[in-house]
Amino acid sequence: MNLLSWGRNSTVDTILDTLKARFPYVAPRPSVDHPAVNVPAANLREFAQSLRDELGYSMLLDLCGVDWDKESPRFGVIYHFYHSDRKVYLRVATLAPDDANPEVPSLAALYPAADWHEREAFDMVGVRFAGHPNMTRILMWEGYPYHPLRKEFPLAGIETELPAADVAAATKAKVIAAPMMGGPFNAPTADKFHMSDAEPRAADQSWTENKPKPGQSG
């Protein structure tokens, strides 16, 4: 079968069957929109290279770290690849085998777009990416003691000392915990088959940081 023959009219089953035949370690993943597969972390890099070099998935659109809470493996990463000629999306999920020190291979050398996304996943969820050229935080400062998107991190945040002692002394301020405005955030699924239409939206958009939620002070 010519793997590059997939087109916009190809069925999800055809894509998944082709992937399973080509990569024995691939397993289908439930999805309401795009083809999705699970790939073991040990096979992730070779799979991604084949996607790029052989199957025409020239773009890595995004990736994010996931905390599955009480499950084990607890941490994973979700990737979205795109075939720009055929207009086909592919979702790939992998799990970090070690719950205490979660790590998966970096794809930054294959897809440069992975660079900052992997740093964000490390910063927010604590998943490291082996082989990344600069595995440092990108949103929080170095030395920040938490990963804010882990399940145990409270939605209101945790009060933390400012990283610069001179700024803290001059302002007499701390990083103060604040409510999560508008949450929870949900991704619409019904009839939303384009990625940009399925972006998460705040469930309650009637209040903002300038207009406090009823019953809460500013």
N, C-alpha and C. Protein backbone atom coordinates (compact mmCIF):
# COMPACT_ATOMS: atom_id res chain seq x y z
N MET A 1 0.85 -1.21 0.00
CA MET A 1 0.00 0.00 0.00
C MET A 1 0.87 1.25 0.00
N ASN A 2 0.52 2.21 -0.81
CA ASN A 2 1.25 3.46 -0.86
C ASN A 2 0.78 4.35 0.29
N LEU A 3 1.66 4.53 1.29
CA LEU A 3 1.26 5.27 2.47
C LEU A 3 1.01 6.75 2.16
N LEU A 4 1.60 7.25 1.07
CA LEU A 4 1.41 8.65 0.74
C LEU A 4 0.11 8.89 -0.02
N SER A 5 -0.66 7.83 -0.25
CA SER A 5 -1.90 7.98 -1.02
C SER A 5 -3.08 8.39 -0.15
N TRP A 6 -2.86 8.52 1.16
CA TRP A 6 -3.98 8.92 2.01
C TRP A 6 -4.45 10.31 1.57
N GLY A 7 -5.73 10.50 1.52
CA GLY A 7 -6.26 11.80 1.13
C GLY A 7 -7.36 12.23 2.08
N ARG A 8 -8.03 13.31 1.73
CA ARG A 8 -9.06 13.86 2.61
C ARG A 8 -10.25 12.91 2.72
N ASN A 9 -10.43 12.01 1.74
CA ASN A 9 -11.56 11.09 1.78
C ASN A 9 -11.20 9.75 2.44
N SER A 10 -9.95 9.61 2.85
CA SER A 10 -9.55 8.38 3.52
C SER A 10 -10.28 8.25 4.85
N THR A 11 -10.69 7.05 5.18
CA THR A 11 -11.38 6.85 6.44
C THR A 11 -10.37 6.71 7.57
N VAL A 12 -10.85 6.99 8.78
CA VAL A 12 -10.00 6.83 9.96
C VAL A 12 -9.53 5.39 10.07
N ASP A 13 -10.42 4.44 9.80
CA ASP A 13 -10.04 3.02 9.90
C ASP A 13 -8.90 2.68 8.94
N THR A 14 -8.94 3.23 7.74
CA THR A 14 -7.87 2.95 6.78
C THR A 14 -6.54 3.47 7.29
N ILE A 15 -6.54 4.67 7.82
CA ILE A 15 -5.29 5.25 8.35
C ILE A 15 -4.78 4.42 9.50
N LEU A 16 -5.66 4.06 10.43
CA LEU A 16 -5.24 3.29 11.59
C LEU A 16 -4.75 1.90 11.20
N ASP A 17 -5.46 1.25 10.27
CA ASP A 17 -5.03 -0.08 9.82
C ASP A 17 -3.66 -0.02 9.16
N THR A 18 -3.43 1.02 8.37
CA THR A 18 -2.14 1.18 7.71
C THR A 18 -1.03 1.39 8.73
N LEU A 19 -1.29 2.22 9.72
CA LEU A 19 -0.28 2.45 10.75
C LEU A 19 0.02 1.18 11.53
N LYS A 20 -1.02 0.44 11.88
CA LYS A 20 -0.81 -0.81 12.63
C LYS A 20 -0.01 -1.82 11.81
N ALA A 21 -0.26 -1.88 10.51
CA ALA A 21 0.47 -2.82 9.66
C ALA A 21 1.94 -2.41 9.52
N ARG A 22 2.18 -1.11 9.49
CA ARG A 22 3.55 -0.59 9.31
C ARG A 22 4.33 -0.60 10.62
N PHE A 23 3.63 -0.35 11.75
CA PHE A 23 4.28 -0.25 13.06
C PHE A 23 3.56 -1.17 14.04
N PRO A 24 4.08 -2.36 14.31
CA PRO A 24 3.38 -3.33 15.16
C PRO A 24 3.12 -2.83 16.58
N TYR A 25 3.90 -1.87 17.05
CA TYR A 25 3.74 -1.39 18.42
C TYR A 25 2.65 -0.32 18.55
N VAL A 26 2.07 0.12 17.44
CA VAL A 26 1.03 1.15 17.47
C VAL A 26 -0.30 0.54 17.89
N ALA A 27 -1.04 1.25 18.74
CA ALA A 27 -2.37 0.81 19.16
C ALA A 27 -3.36 1.95 18.94
N PRO A 28 -4.54 1.66 18.39
CA PRO A 28 -5.55 2.71 18.19
C PRO A 28 -5.95 3.35 19.52
N ARG A 29 -6.28 4.62 19.45
CA ARG A 29 -6.68 5.37 20.64
C ARG A 29 -8.06 5.97 20.39
N PRO A 30 -8.98 5.86 21.36
CA PRO A 30 -10.32 6.44 21.15
C PRO A 30 -10.24 7.92 20.83
N SER A 31 -11.03 8.37 19.87
CA SER A 31 -11.01 9.77 19.46
C SER A 31 -12.34 10.11 18.80
N VAL A 32 -12.83 11.33 19.05
CA VAL A 32 -14.09 11.77 18.46
C VAL A 32 -13.87 12.61 17.21
N ASP A 33 -12.60 12.91 16.88
CA ASP A 33 -12.39 13.78 15.73
C ASP A 33 -11.35 13.23 14.76
N HIS A 34 -10.09 13.12 15.16
CA HIS A 34 -9.02 12.77 14.24
C HIS A 34 -8.47 11.37 14.54
N PRO A 35 -7.81 10.75 13.57
CA PRO A 35 -7.14 9.48 13.86
C PRO A 35 -6.17 9.65 15.02
N ALA A 36 -6.14 8.67 15.91
CA ALA A 36 -5.31 8.77 17.11
C ALA A 36 -4.73 7.42 17.45
N VAL A 37 -3.48 7.42 17.90
CA VAL A 37 -2.80 6.18 18.24
C VAL A 37 -1.97 6.37 19.51
N ASN A 38 -1.75 5.25 20.19
CA ASN A 38 -0.80 5.20 21.30
C ASN A 38 0.51 4.60 20.80
N VAL A 39 1.61 5.22 21.19
CA VAL A 39 2.94 4.75 20.80
C VAL A 39 3.81 4.67 22.05
N PRO A 40 4.46 3.55 22.32
CA PRO A 40 5.35 3.46 23.48
C PRO A 40 6.47 4.49 23.39
N ALA A 41 6.88 5.01 24.53
CA ALA A 41 7.94 6.02 24.55
C ALA A 41 9.22 5.51 23.90
N ALA A 42 9.50 4.22 24.07
CA ALA A 42 10.73 3.65 23.51
C ALA A 42 10.74 3.70 21.99
N ASN A 43 9.57 3.77 21.36
CA ASN A 43 9.46 3.78 19.90
C ASN A 43 9.11 5.15 19.33
N LEU A 44 8.95 6.14 20.20
CA LEU A 44 8.40 7.42 19.76
C LEU A 44 9.27 8.11 18.71
N ARG A 45 10.58 8.15 18.93
CA ARG A 45 11.45 8.89 18.02
C ARG A 45 11.46 8.26 16.62
N GLU A 46 11.59 6.94 16.55
CA GLU A 46 11.61 6.28 15.25
C GLU A 46 10.26 6.44 14.54
N PHE A 47 9.17 6.39 15.32
CA PHE A 47 7.85 6.57 14.74
C PHE A 47 7.71 7.98 14.16
N ALA A 48 8.13 8.99 14.93
CA ALA A 48 8.04 10.38 14.47
C ALA A 48 8.91 10.61 13.23
N GLN A 49 10.06 9.99 13.19
CA GLN A 49 10.91 10.16 12.03
C GLN A 49 10.27 9.55 10.78
N SER A 50 9.62 8.42 10.95
CA SER A 50 8.91 7.81 9.82
C SER A 50 7.73 8.67 9.38
N LEU A 51 7.03 9.26 10.35
CA LEU A 51 5.95 10.17 9.99
C LEU A 51 6.46 11.30 9.12
N ARG A 52 7.60 11.85 9.48
CA ARG A 52 8.15 12.98 8.74
C ARG A 52 8.75 12.58 7.39
N ASP A 53 9.58 11.54 7.42
CA ASP A 53 10.39 11.21 6.23
C ASP A 53 9.67 10.32 5.22
N GLU A 54 8.74 9.48 5.69
CA GLU A 54 8.12 8.51 4.81
C GLU A 54 6.63 8.77 4.57
N LEU A 55 5.95 9.33 5.57
CA LEU A 55 4.49 9.43 5.48
C LEU A 55 3.98 10.83 5.19
N GLY A 56 4.86 11.80 5.12
CA GLY A 56 4.45 13.14 4.71
C GLY A 56 3.91 14.05 5.79
N TYR A 57 4.03 13.65 7.06
CA TYR A 57 3.59 14.53 8.15
C TYR A 57 4.71 15.52 8.45
N SER A 58 4.71 16.61 7.69
CA SER A 58 5.83 17.55 7.76
C SER A 58 5.74 18.53 8.92
N MET A 59 4.59 18.57 9.58
CA MET A 59 4.40 19.56 10.63
C MET A 59 4.02 18.89 11.96
N LEU A 60 4.68 19.34 13.03
CA LEU A 60 4.22 19.06 14.39
C LEU A 60 3.54 20.34 14.87
N LEU A 61 2.23 20.28 15.03
CA LEU A 61 1.47 21.48 15.38
C LEU A 61 1.62 21.85 16.84
N ASP A 62 1.52 20.88 17.71
CA ASP A 62 1.65 21.16 19.14
C ASP A 62 1.84 19.86 19.90
N LEU A 63 2.17 20.02 21.16
CA LEU A 63 2.23 18.89 22.08
C LEU A 63 1.94 19.43 23.47
N CYS A 64 1.50 18.55 24.36
CA CYS A 64 1.25 18.98 25.74
C CYS A 64 1.49 17.81 26.68
N GLY A 65 1.91 18.12 27.88
CA GLY A 65 2.03 17.11 28.92
C GLY A 65 0.69 16.85 29.56
N VAL A 66 0.49 15.63 30.04
CA VAL A 66 -0.77 15.23 30.67
C VAL A 66 -0.47 14.53 31.99
N ASP A 67 -1.24 14.88 33.01
CA ASP A 67 -1.17 14.20 34.31
C ASP A 67 -2.45 13.38 34.45
N TRP A 68 -2.32 12.05 34.39
CA TRP A 68 -3.48 11.17 34.49
C TRP A 68 -3.84 10.85 35.93
N ASP A 69 -3.25 11.58 36.87
CA ASP A 69 -3.60 11.53 38.29
C ASP A 69 -3.32 10.18 38.92
N LYS A 70 -4.34 9.41 39.22
CA LYS A 70 -4.17 8.17 39.97
C LYS A 70 -3.77 6.99 39.09
N GLU A 71 -3.70 7.16 37.79
CA GLU A 71 -3.30 6.06 36.92
C GLU A 71 -1.78 5.89 36.94
N SER A 72 -1.34 4.75 36.50
CA SER A 72 0.09 4.50 36.36
C SER A 72 0.31 3.71 35.06
N PRO A 73 1.16 4.20 34.15
CA PRO A 73 1.94 5.43 34.24
C PRO A 73 1.05 6.67 34.40
N ARG A 74 1.54 7.58 35.23
CA ARG A 74 0.76 8.76 35.56
C ARG A 74 0.88 9.87 34.50
N PHE A 75 2.07 10.02 33.93
CA PHE A 75 2.32 11.16 33.04
C PHE A 75 2.49 10.72 31.59
N GLY A 76 2.02 11.57 30.70
CA GLY A 76 2.16 11.29 29.28
C GLY A 76 2.27 12.56 28.48
N VAL A 77 2.38 12.41 27.17
CA VAL A 77 2.46 13.54 26.25
C VAL A 77 1.57 13.25 25.06
N ILE A 78 0.83 14.28 24.61
CA ILE A 78 -0.03 14.18 23.44
C ILE A 78 0.55 15.07 22.34
N TYR A 79 0.67 14.52 21.13
CA TYR A 79 1.22 15.25 19.99
C TYR A 79 0.16 15.35 18.88
N HIS A 80 0.20 16.44 18.13
CA HIS A 80 -0.64 16.58 16.95
C HIS A 80 0.24 16.85 15.73
N PHE A 81 0.22 15.91 14.79
CA PHE A 81 0.97 16.04 13.54
C PHE A 81 0.00 16.38 12.41
N TYR A 82 0.55 16.98 11.36
CA TYR A 82 -0.30 17.42 10.25
C TYR A 82 0.38 17.15 8.92
N HIS A 83 -0.41 16.56 8.01
CA HIS A 83 0.04 16.31 6.64
C HIS A 83 -0.46 17.49 5.80
N SER A 84 0.44 18.41 5.46
CA SER A 84 0.02 19.66 4.82
C SER A 84 -0.50 19.46 3.40
N ASP A 85 -0.07 18.39 2.72
CA ASP A 85 -0.58 18.14 1.37
C ASP A 85 -1.96 17.51 1.39
N ARG A 86 -2.13 16.53 2.30
CA ARG A 86 -3.39 15.78 2.34
C ARG A 86 -4.41 16.36 3.32
N LYS A 87 -3.98 17.35 4.10
CA LYS A 87 -4.87 17.98 5.10
C LYS A 87 -5.38 16.95 6.10
N VAL A 88 -4.47 16.15 6.60
CA VAL A 88 -4.80 15.09 7.56
C VAL A 88 -4.09 15.35 8.88
N TYR A 89 -4.85 15.27 9.97
CA TYR A 89 -4.28 15.37 11.31
C TYR A 89 -4.04 13.96 11.86
N LEU A 90 -3.06 13.86 12.75
CA LEU A 90 -2.83 12.61 13.46
C LEU A 90 -2.47 12.94 14.90
N ARG A 91 -3.22 12.35 15.82
CA ARG A 91 -2.92 12.53 17.24
C ARG A 91 -2.13 11.32 17.74
N VAL A 92 -1.04 11.57 18.44
CA VAL A 92 -0.19 10.51 18.97
C VAL A 92 -0.03 10.73 20.47
N ALA A 93 -0.24 9.67 21.24
CA ALA A 93 -0.08 9.73 22.69
C ALA A 93 1.00 8.77 23.13
N THR A 94 1.80 9.20 24.10
CA THR A 94 2.81 8.31 24.68
C THR A 94 2.81 8.50 26.18
N LEU A 95 3.31 7.51 26.91
CA LEU A 95 3.35 7.54 28.36
C LEU A 95 4.79 7.48 28.84
N ALA A 96 5.07 8.21 29.91
CA ALA A 96 6.39 8.17 30.54
C ALA A 96 6.39 7.00 31.53
N PRO A 97 7.26 6.02 31.38
CA PRO A 97 7.19 4.80 32.20
C PRO A 97 7.42 5.04 33.69
N ASP A 98 8.22 6.06 34.05
CA ASP A 98 8.62 6.28 35.44
C ASP A 98 7.77 7.40 36.04
N ASP A 99 6.91 7.07 37.00
CA ASP A 99 6.05 8.08 37.61
C ASP A 99 6.84 9.10 38.43
N ALA A 100 7.94 8.64 39.08
CA ALA A 100 8.72 9.53 39.93
C ALA A 100 9.56 10.50 39.12
N ASN A 101 10.09 10.04 37.99
CA ASN A 101 10.93 10.88 37.13
C ASN A 101 10.47 10.72 35.68
N PRO A 102 9.33 11.31 35.33
CA PRO A 102 8.77 11.09 33.99
C PRO A 102 9.67 11.67 32.90
N GLU A 103 9.90 10.86 31.87
CA GLU A 103 10.74 11.29 30.76
C GLU A 103 10.37 10.53 29.50
N VAL A 104 10.35 11.23 28.38
CA VAL A 104 10.14 10.64 27.06
C VAL A 104 11.17 11.23 26.12
N PRO A 105 11.39 10.65 24.95
CA PRO A 105 12.37 11.20 24.02
C PRO A 105 11.95 12.57 23.48
N SER A 106 12.92 13.45 23.27
CA SER A 106 12.67 14.73 22.63
C SER A 106 12.52 14.54 21.12
N LEU A 107 11.60 15.32 20.53
CA LEU A 107 11.44 15.33 19.08
C LEU A 107 11.98 16.62 18.46
N ALA A 108 12.69 17.42 19.25
CA ALA A 108 13.15 18.72 18.77
C ALA A 108 14.11 18.61 17.60
N ALA A 109 14.90 17.55 17.54
CA ALA A 109 15.84 17.40 16.44
C ALA A 109 15.12 17.03 15.14
N LEU A 110 13.94 16.42 15.25
CA LEU A 110 13.16 16.04 14.08
C LEU A 110 12.20 17.15 13.67
N TYR A 111 11.53 17.73 14.64
CA TYR A 111 10.56 18.80 14.42
C TYR A 111 10.97 19.98 15.30
N PRO A 112 11.60 21.01 14.74
CA PRO A 112 12.03 22.16 15.55
C PRO A 112 10.91 22.78 16.37
N ALA A 113 9.66 22.66 15.91
CA ALA A 113 8.54 23.23 16.66
C ALA A 113 8.40 22.59 18.04
N ALA A 114 8.97 21.40 18.23
CA ALA A 114 8.85 20.72 19.51
C ALA A 114 9.64 21.42 20.61
N ASP A 115 10.64 22.21 20.24
CA ASP A 115 11.57 22.78 21.21
C ASP A 115 10.87 23.49 22.37
N TRP A 116 10.16 24.57 22.07
CA TRP A 116 9.53 25.35 23.13
C TRP A 116 8.33 24.62 23.73
N HIS A 117 7.62 23.83 22.91
CA HIS A 117 6.50 23.07 23.45
C HIS A 117 6.98 22.06 24.50
N GLU A 118 8.10 21.42 24.26
CA GLU A 118 8.64 20.46 25.23
C GLU A 118 9.07 21.18 26.51
N ARG A 119 9.64 22.35 26.37
CA ARG A 119 10.00 23.12 27.57
C ARG A 119 8.77 23.50 28.38
N GLU A 120 7.69 23.85 27.68
CA GLU A 120 6.45 24.19 28.40
C GLU A 120 5.89 22.96 29.11
N ALA A 121 5.90 21.81 28.46
CA ALA A 121 5.41 20.59 29.10
C ALA A 121 6.23 20.23 30.32
N PHE A 122 7.54 20.42 30.23
CA PHE A 122 8.40 20.21 31.40
C PHE A 122 8.07 21.20 32.51
N ASP A 123 7.94 22.47 32.14
CA ASP A 123 7.67 23.53 33.11
C ASP A 123 6.34 23.30 33.83
N MET A 124 5.30 23.01 33.07
CA MET A 124 3.95 22.94 33.63
C MET A 124 3.62 21.58 34.25
N VAL A 125 4.13 20.48 33.68
CA VAL A 125 3.73 19.15 34.13
C VAL A 125 4.91 18.36 34.71
N GLY A 126 6.13 18.76 34.40
CA GLY A 126 7.28 18.08 34.97
C GLY A 126 7.78 16.90 34.18
N VAL A 127 7.35 16.74 32.92
CA VAL A 127 7.85 15.68 32.06
C VAL A 127 9.13 16.16 31.38
N ARG A 128 10.20 15.42 31.54
CA ARG A 128 11.46 15.77 30.86
C ARG A 128 11.52 15.10 29.50
N PHE A 129 12.32 15.70 28.60
CA PHE A 129 12.45 15.19 27.23
C PHE A 129 13.92 14.89 26.97
N ALA A 130 14.25 13.61 26.93
CA ALA A 130 15.63 13.18 26.77
C ALA A 130 16.17 13.62 25.41
N GLY A 131 17.33 14.28 25.44
CA GLY A 131 17.94 14.75 24.20
C GLY A 131 17.57 16.16 23.82
N HIS A 132 16.75 16.82 24.64
CA HIS A 132 16.39 18.22 24.33
C HIS A 132 17.62 19.11 24.49
N PRO A 133 17.82 20.08 23.58
CA PRO A 133 19.03 20.91 23.65
C PRO A 133 19.06 21.91 24.79
N ASN A 134 17.91 22.20 25.42
CA ASN A 134 17.88 23.21 26.48
C ASN A 134 16.70 22.95 27.40
N MET A 135 16.79 21.87 28.19
CA MET A 135 15.66 21.45 29.00
C MET A 135 15.53 22.33 30.25
N THR A 136 15.04 23.56 30.03
CA THR A 136 14.85 24.52 31.12
C THR A 136 13.41 25.04 31.08
N ARG A 137 13.00 25.69 32.16
CA ARG A 137 11.66 26.26 32.21
C ARG A 137 11.51 27.37 31.17
N ILE A 138 10.27 27.61 30.78
CA ILE A 138 10.00 28.64 29.76
C ILE A 138 8.98 29.67 30.24
N LEU A 139 8.14 29.31 31.21
CA LEU A 139 7.14 30.24 31.74
C LEU A 139 7.47 30.66 33.18
N MET A 140 7.73 29.69 34.02
CA MET A 140 8.12 29.98 35.40
C MET A 140 9.64 30.15 35.46
N TRP A 141 10.11 30.71 36.55
CA TRP A 141 11.54 30.95 36.68
C TRP A 141 12.27 29.69 37.16
N GLU A 142 13.56 29.60 36.84
CA GLU A 142 14.37 28.48 37.32
C GLU A 142 14.37 28.50 38.85
N GLY A 143 14.16 27.34 39.43
CA GLY A 143 14.08 27.26 40.88
C GLY A 143 12.66 27.29 41.41
N TYR A 144 11.67 27.58 40.55
CA TYR A 144 10.28 27.53 40.99
C TYR A 144 9.97 26.09 41.43
N PRO A 145 9.39 25.91 42.61
CA PRO A 145 9.32 24.56 43.19
C PRO A 145 8.15 23.69 42.72
N TYR A 146 7.30 24.17 41.82
CA TYR A 146 6.11 23.41 41.47
C TYR A 146 5.98 23.26 39.95
N HIS A 147 5.08 22.36 39.57
CA HIS A 147 4.66 22.22 38.18
C HIS A 147 3.15 22.50 38.17
N PRO A 148 2.73 23.70 37.75
CA PRO A 148 1.37 24.17 38.00
C PRO A 148 0.23 23.39 37.35
N LEU A 149 0.49 22.56 36.34
CA LEU A 149 -0.61 21.81 35.73
C LEU A 149 -0.69 20.37 36.25
N ARG A 150 0.07 20.03 37.27
CA ARG A 150 -0.11 18.73 37.90
C ARG A 150 -1.39 18.74 38.73
N LYS A 151 -1.98 17.57 38.86
CA LYS A 151 -3.30 17.49 39.50
C LYS A 151 -3.28 17.96 40.95
N GLU A 152 -2.16 17.78 41.66
CA GLU A 152 -2.15 18.17 43.07
C GLU A 152 -1.99 19.68 43.26
N PHE A 153 -1.66 20.40 42.20
CA PHE A 153 -1.49 21.84 42.31
C PHE A 153 -2.86 22.51 42.34
N PRO A 154 -3.16 23.32 43.36
CA PRO A 154 -4.51 23.88 43.49
C PRO A 154 -4.81 24.90 42.39
N LEU A 155 -6.08 24.96 41.97
CA LEU A 155 -6.48 25.92 40.94
C LEU A 155 -6.20 27.35 41.37
N ALA A 156 -6.27 27.62 42.65
CA ALA A 156 -6.02 28.97 43.14
C ALA A 156 -4.54 29.32 43.17
N GLY A 157 -3.67 28.35 42.92
CA GLY A 157 -2.24 28.61 42.95
C GLY A 157 -1.67 28.48 44.36
N ILE A 158 -0.37 28.72 44.49
CA ILE A 158 0.32 28.65 45.77
C ILE A 158 1.15 29.92 45.92
N GLU A 159 1.00 30.60 47.05
CA GLU A 159 1.77 31.82 47.29
C GLU A 159 3.25 31.47 47.35
N THR A 160 4.05 32.23 46.61
CA THR A 160 5.46 31.92 46.46
C THR A 160 6.28 33.20 46.53
N GLU A 161 7.47 33.13 47.12
CA GLU A 161 8.35 34.28 47.15
C GLU A 161 8.80 34.64 45.74
N LEU A 162 8.94 35.93 45.47
CA LEU A 162 9.48 36.36 44.19
C LEU A 162 10.92 35.87 44.03
N PRO A 163 11.33 35.53 42.81
CA PRO A 163 12.66 34.96 42.64
C PRO A 163 13.78 35.97 42.86
N ALA A 164 13.54 37.26 42.62
CA ALA A 164 14.58 38.26 42.78
C ALA A 164 14.43 38.93 44.15
N ALA A 165 15.41 38.76 45.00
CA ALA A 165 15.34 39.29 46.37
C ALA A 165 15.22 40.81 46.37
N ASP A 166 15.91 41.48 45.44
CA ASP A 166 15.86 42.95 45.43
C ASP A 166 14.47 43.45 45.04
N VAL A 167 13.80 42.73 44.11
CA VAL A 167 12.44 43.12 43.72
C VAL A 167 11.48 42.88 44.88
N ALA A 168 11.63 41.75 45.55
CA ALA A 168 10.76 41.45 46.69
C ALA A 168 10.94 42.48 47.79
N ALA A 169 12.20 42.90 48.04
CA ALA A 169 12.46 43.87 49.10
C ALA A 169 11.88 45.24 48.74
N ALA A 170 11.99 45.62 47.47
CA ALA A 170 11.51 46.93 47.05
C ALA A 170 9.99 46.99 47.00
N THR A 171 9.36 45.91 46.57
CA THR A 171 7.91 45.92 46.40
C THR A 171 7.17 45.38 47.61
N LYS A 172 7.91 44.64 48.46
CA LYS A 172 7.28 43.95 49.59
C LYS A 172 6.10 43.09 49.11
N ALA A 173 6.28 42.47 47.96
CA ALA A 173 5.22 41.67 47.36
C ALA A 173 5.66 40.23 47.21
N LYS A 174 4.67 39.36 47.05
CA LYS A 174 4.89 37.96 46.76
C LYS A 174 4.09 37.60 45.51
N VAL A 175 4.36 36.41 44.99
CA VAL A 175 3.51 35.88 43.93
C VAL A 175 2.27 35.35 44.62
N ILE A 176 1.18 36.09 44.53
CA ILE A 176 -0.02 35.79 45.31
C ILE A 176 -0.95 34.87 44.53
N ALA A 177 -1.45 33.87 45.22
CA ALA A 177 -2.39 32.94 44.58
C ALA A 177 -3.65 33.69 44.16
N ALA A 178 -4.22 33.28 43.02
CA ALA A 178 -5.42 33.93 42.49
C ALA A 178 -6.35 32.87 41.93
N PRO A 179 -7.65 33.14 41.90
CA PRO A 179 -8.58 32.13 41.37
C PRO A 179 -8.38 31.90 39.88
N MET A 180 -8.76 30.72 39.42
CA MET A 180 -8.71 30.39 38.00
C MET A 180 -9.94 30.99 37.34
N MET A 181 -9.76 32.08 36.64
CA MET A 181 -10.89 32.81 36.08
C MET A 181 -11.60 31.99 35.00
N GLY A 182 -12.91 31.84 35.15
CA GLY A 182 -13.73 31.27 34.10
C GLY A 182 -13.72 29.77 33.98
N GLY A 183 -12.91 29.08 34.81
CA GLY A 183 -12.82 27.63 34.68
C GLY A 183 -14.08 26.94 35.19
N PRO A 184 -14.22 25.66 34.98
CA PRO A 184 -13.30 24.80 34.22
C PRO A 184 -13.34 25.09 32.71
N PHE A 185 -12.32 24.59 32.01
CA PHE A 185 -12.21 24.83 30.58
C PHE A 185 -12.51 23.53 29.83
N ASN A 186 -13.42 23.62 28.88
CA ASN A 186 -13.88 22.43 28.17
C ASN A 186 -13.68 22.59 26.67
N ALA A 187 -13.30 21.49 26.02
CA ALA A 187 -13.17 21.49 24.57
C ALA A 187 -14.47 20.99 23.95
N PRO A 188 -15.13 21.79 23.11
CA PRO A 188 -16.35 21.32 22.45
C PRO A 188 -16.04 20.16 21.52
N THR A 189 -16.97 19.21 21.45
CA THR A 189 -16.73 18.03 20.61
C THR A 189 -17.77 17.87 19.51
N ALA A 190 -19.01 18.25 19.75
CA ALA A 190 -20.08 18.03 18.77
C ALA A 190 -19.84 18.87 17.52
N ASP A 191 -19.70 18.18 16.38
CA ASP A 191 -19.55 18.84 15.08
C ASP A 191 -18.34 19.77 15.01
N LYS A 192 -17.34 19.53 15.87
CA LYS A 192 -16.12 20.35 15.85
C LYS A 192 -14.97 19.47 15.40
N PHE A 193 -14.79 19.36 14.10
CA PHE A 193 -13.78 18.46 13.57
C PHE A 193 -12.55 19.18 13.04
N HIS A 194 -12.53 20.50 13.18
CA HIS A 194 -11.33 21.24 12.83
C HIS A 194 -10.65 21.66 14.12
N MET A 195 -9.34 21.49 14.17
CA MET A 195 -8.62 21.71 15.42
C MET A 195 -8.89 23.10 16.01
N SER A 196 -8.90 24.14 15.17
CA SER A 196 -9.09 25.49 15.67
C SER A 196 -10.47 25.71 16.25
N ASP A 197 -11.46 24.90 15.84
CA ASP A 197 -12.82 25.02 16.37
C ASP A 197 -12.99 24.28 17.69
N ALA A 198 -12.02 23.43 18.03
CA ALA A 198 -12.14 22.60 19.22
C ALA A 198 -11.26 23.10 20.37
N GLU A 199 -10.79 24.34 20.28
CA GLU A 199 -9.99 24.89 21.36
C GLU A 199 -10.84 24.99 22.64
N PRO A 200 -10.27 24.69 23.80
CA PRO A 200 -11.04 24.78 25.05
C PRO A 200 -11.57 26.19 25.30
N ARG A 201 -12.77 26.25 25.81
CA ARG A 201 -13.39 27.52 26.15
C ARG A 201 -13.79 27.48 27.62
N ALA A 202 -13.76 28.65 28.25
CA ALA A 202 -14.18 28.73 29.65
C ALA A 202 -15.65 28.38 29.75
N ALA A 203 -15.99 27.51 30.71
CA ALA A 203 -17.38 27.11 30.88
C ALA A 203 -18.24 28.28 31.33
N ASP A 204 -17.65 29.17 32.12
CA ASP A 204 -18.38 30.33 32.61
C ASP A 204 -17.60 31.58 32.21
N GLN A 205 -18.10 32.31 31.22
CA GLN A 205 -17.40 33.49 30.74
C GLN A 205 -18.05 34.79 31.25
N SER A 206 -18.85 34.69 32.29
CA SER A 206 -19.54 35.86 32.82
C SER A 206 -18.69 36.66 33.79
N TRP A 207 -17.49 36.14 34.15
CA TRP A 207 -16.65 36.86 35.09
C TRP A 207 -15.19 36.80 34.63
N THR A 208 -14.45 37.84 34.95
CA THR A 208 -13.05 37.96 34.56
C THR A 208 -12.27 38.51 35.74
N GLU A 209 -10.97 38.75 35.53
CA GLU A 209 -10.18 39.31 36.62
C GLU A 209 -10.57 40.76 36.90
N ASN A 210 -11.28 41.40 35.93
CA ASN A 210 -11.78 42.75 36.17
C ASN A 210 -13.21 42.78 36.67
N LYS A 211 -13.91 41.65 36.53
CA LYS A 211 -15.30 41.54 36.99
C LYS A 211 -15.39 40.25 37.79
N PRO A 212 -15.22 40.34 39.13
CA PRO A 212 -15.12 39.13 39.95
C PRO A 212 -16.35 38.24 39.86
N LYS A 213 -16.11 36.96 40.08
CA LYS A 213 -17.19 35.99 40.11
C LYS A 213 -18.13 36.33 41.25
N PRO A 214 -19.44 36.25 41.03
CA PRO A 214 -20.41 36.53 42.12
C PRO A 214 -20.09 35.72 43.37
N GLY A 215 -20.08 36.41 44.50
CA GLY A 215 -19.80 35.72 45.75
C GLY A 215 -18.34 35.75 46.15
N GLN A 216 -17.46 36.27 45.26
CA GLN A 216 -16.04 36.38 45.57
C GLN A 216 -15.64 37.84 45.58
N SER A 217 -14.70 38.17 46.45
CA SER A 217 -14.18 39.52 46.47
C SER A 217 -13.11 39.61 45.38
N GLY A 218 -12.78 40.88 44.92
CA GLY A 218 -11.84 41.13 43.85
C GLY A 218 -10.65 40.33 43.79
